[in-house]
């Protein structure tokens, strides 16, 4: 999905560059790129946010927000080897 978003940003930047005024270019970028992509990423991130919230509410977690199946080793890095 990232490659599609990057390609869309590229297309909209080119569209904005062809606008006759700077204000038109900024508005084109905001309304064709920034706003739709922010809505899209918010909607597609709902599952991750729900899983993170459920993991944080689970009793017995040493660190709230860890991904399921990952251990927190205390030095700021979560790795999957269970150290």
C-alpha atoms as a PDB file:
ATOM      1  CA  UNK A   1       0.000   0.000   0.000  1.00  0.00           C
ATOM      2  CA  UNK A   2       2.923   2.335   0.626  1.00  0.00           C
ATOM      3  CA  UNK A   3       3.994   2.196  -3.018  1.00  0.00           C
ATOM      4  CA  UNK A   4       0.503   3.206  -4.136  1.00  0.00           C
ATOM      5  CA  UNK A   5       0.473   6.121  -1.684  1.00  0.00           C
ATOM      6  CA  UNK A   6       3.903   7.295  -2.841  1.00  0.00           C
ATOM      7  CA  UNK A   7       2.828   7.061  -6.489  1.00  0.00           C
ATOM      8  CA  UNK A   8      -0.345   9.021  -5.730  1.00  0.00           C
ATOM      9  CA  UNK A   9       1.672  11.720  -3.944  1.00  0.00           C
ATOM     10  CA  UNK A  10       3.936  11.968  -7.003  1.00  0.00           C
ATOM     11  CA  UNK A  11       0.966  12.353  -9.352  1.00  0.00           C
ATOM     12  CA  UNK A  12      -0.669  15.002  -7.190  1.00  0.00           C
ATOM     13  CA  UNK A  13       2.583  16.952  -6.824  1.00  0.00           C
ATOM     14  CA  UNK A  14       2.812  17.053 -10.612  1.00  0.00           C
ATOM     15  CA  UNK A  15      -0.820  18.170 -10.817  1.00  0.00           C
ATOM     16  CA  UNK A  16      -0.197  20.876  -8.224  1.00  0.00           C
ATOM     17  CA  UNK A  17       2.891  22.068 -10.107  1.00  0.00           C
ATOM     18  CA  UNK A  18       0.797  22.747 -13.214  1.00  0.00           C
ATOM     19  CA  UNK A  19      -1.728  24.953 -11.417  1.00  0.00           C
ATOM     20  CA  UNK A  20      -1.609  28.574 -12.558  1.00  0.00           C
ATOM     21  CA  UNK A  21      -1.278  29.996  -9.014  1.00  0.00           C
ATOM     22  CA  UNK A  22       0.581  28.894  -5.897  1.00  0.00           C
ATOM     23  CA  UNK A  23      -2.634  28.954  -3.878  1.00  0.00           C
ATOM     24  CA  UNK A  24      -4.265  26.661  -6.440  1.00  0.00           C
ATOM     25  CA  UNK A  25      -1.295  24.298  -6.224  1.00  0.00           C
ATOM     26  CA  UNK A  26      -1.424  24.152  -2.441  1.00  0.00           C
ATOM     27  CA  UNK A  27      -5.179  23.592  -2.456  1.00  0.00           C
ATOM     28  CA  UNK A  28      -4.817  20.863  -5.077  1.00  0.00           C
ATOM     29  CA  UNK A  29      -2.205  19.120  -2.962  1.00  0.00           C
ATOM     30  CA  UNK A  30      -4.251  19.401   0.221  1.00  0.00           C
ATOM     31  CA  UNK A  31      -7.595  18.318  -1.222  1.00  0.00           C
ATOM     32  CA  UNK A  32      -6.368  15.651  -3.649  1.00  0.00           C
ATOM     33  CA  UNK A  33      -3.505  14.214  -1.607  1.00  0.00           C
ATOM     34  CA  UNK A  34      -3.127  15.117   2.065  1.00  0.00           C
ATOM     35  CA  UNK A  35      -6.775  14.876   3.090  1.00  0.00           C
ATOM     36  CA  UNK A  36      -7.697  11.661   1.193  1.00  0.00           C
ATOM     37  CA  UNK A  37      -4.500   9.848   2.215  1.00  0.00           C
ATOM     38  CA  UNK A  38      -4.917  10.816   5.861  1.00  0.00           C
ATOM     39  CA  UNK A  39      -8.478   9.459   5.822  1.00  0.00           C
ATOM     40  CA  UNK A  40      -7.329   6.285   4.064  1.00  0.00           C
ATOM     41  CA  UNK A  41      -4.505   5.646   6.537  1.00  0.00           C
ATOM     42  CA  UNK A  42      -6.811   6.339   9.479  1.00  0.00           C
ATOM     43  CA  UNK A  43      -9.363   3.822   8.217  1.00  0.00           C
ATOM     44  CA  UNK A  44      -6.795   1.140   7.389  1.00  0.00           C
ATOM     45  CA  UNK A  45      -5.063   1.602  10.761  1.00  0.00           C
ATOM     46  CA  UNK A  46      -8.212   0.806  12.752  1.00  0.00           C
ATOM     47  CA  UNK A  47      -7.324  -2.879  13.076  1.00  0.00           C
ATOM     48  CA  UNK A  48      -3.831  -2.102  14.390  1.00  0.00           C
ATOM     49  CA  UNK A  49      -5.223   0.385  16.907  1.00  0.00           C
ATOM     50  CA  UNK A  50      -7.816  -2.144  18.111  1.00  0.00           C
ATOM     51  CA  UNK A  51      -5.187  -4.873  18.544  1.00  0.00           C
ATOM     52  CA  UNK A  52      -2.857  -2.481  20.367  1.00  0.00           C
ATOM     53  CA  UNK A  53      -5.678  -1.436  22.721  1.00  0.00           C
ATOM     54  CA  UNK A  54      -6.620  -5.073  23.417  1.00  0.00           C
ATOM     55  CA  UNK A  55      -2.988  -5.962  24.072  1.00  0.00           C
ATOM     56  CA  UNK A  56      -2.602  -3.039  26.471  1.00  0.00           C
ATOM     57  CA  UNK A  57      -5.691  -4.130  28.407  1.00  0.00           C
ATOM     58  CA  UNK A  58      -4.542  -7.744  28.704  1.00  0.00           C
ATOM     59  CA  UNK A  59      -3.442  -8.488  32.303  1.00  0.00           C
ATOM     60  CA  UNK A  60       0.059  -9.814  32.826  1.00  0.00           C
ATOM     61  CA  UNK A  61       1.766  -7.782  30.119  1.00  0.00           C
ATOM     62  CA  UNK A  62       5.055  -6.376  31.305  1.00  0.00           C
ATOM     63  CA  UNK A  63       4.835  -3.470  28.887  1.00  0.00           C
ATOM     64  CA  UNK A  64       1.552  -2.082  27.561  1.00  0.00           C
ATOM     65  CA  UNK A  65       1.407  -1.952  23.803  1.00  0.00           C
ATOM     66  CA  UNK A  66       3.706  -4.882  23.005  1.00  0.00           C
ATOM     67  CA  UNK A  67       2.746  -6.849  19.956  1.00  0.00           C
ATOM     68  CA  UNK A  68       1.315 -10.274  20.771  1.00  0.00           C
ATOM     69  CA  UNK A  69       4.020 -12.917  21.075  1.00  0.00           C
ATOM     70  CA  UNK A  70       6.849 -10.470  21.612  1.00  0.00           C
ATOM     71  CA  UNK A  71       8.781 -10.021  24.810  1.00  0.00           C
ATOM     72  CA  UNK A  72      10.003  -6.746  26.231  1.00  0.00           C
ATOM     73  CA  UNK A  73      13.645  -7.006  27.235  1.00  0.00           C
ATOM     74  CA  UNK A  74      13.807  -3.704  29.114  1.00  0.00           C
ATOM     75  CA  UNK A  75      16.431  -1.929  26.995  1.00  0.00           C
ATOM     76  CA  UNK A  76      13.900  -0.293  24.691  1.00  0.00           C
ATOM     77  CA  UNK A  77      13.854  -3.011  22.069  1.00  0.00           C
ATOM     78  CA  UNK A  78      11.168  -5.622  21.594  1.00  0.00           C
ATOM     79  CA  UNK A  79      12.409  -8.686  19.811  1.00  0.00           C
ATOM     80  CA  UNK A  80      10.803 -11.992  19.011  1.00  0.00           C
ATOM     81  CA  UNK A  81      13.457 -14.242  20.524  1.00  0.00           C
ATOM     82  CA  UNK A  82      12.035 -14.036  24.071  1.00  0.00           C
ATOM     83  CA  UNK A  83      15.171 -12.792  25.869  1.00  0.00           C
END
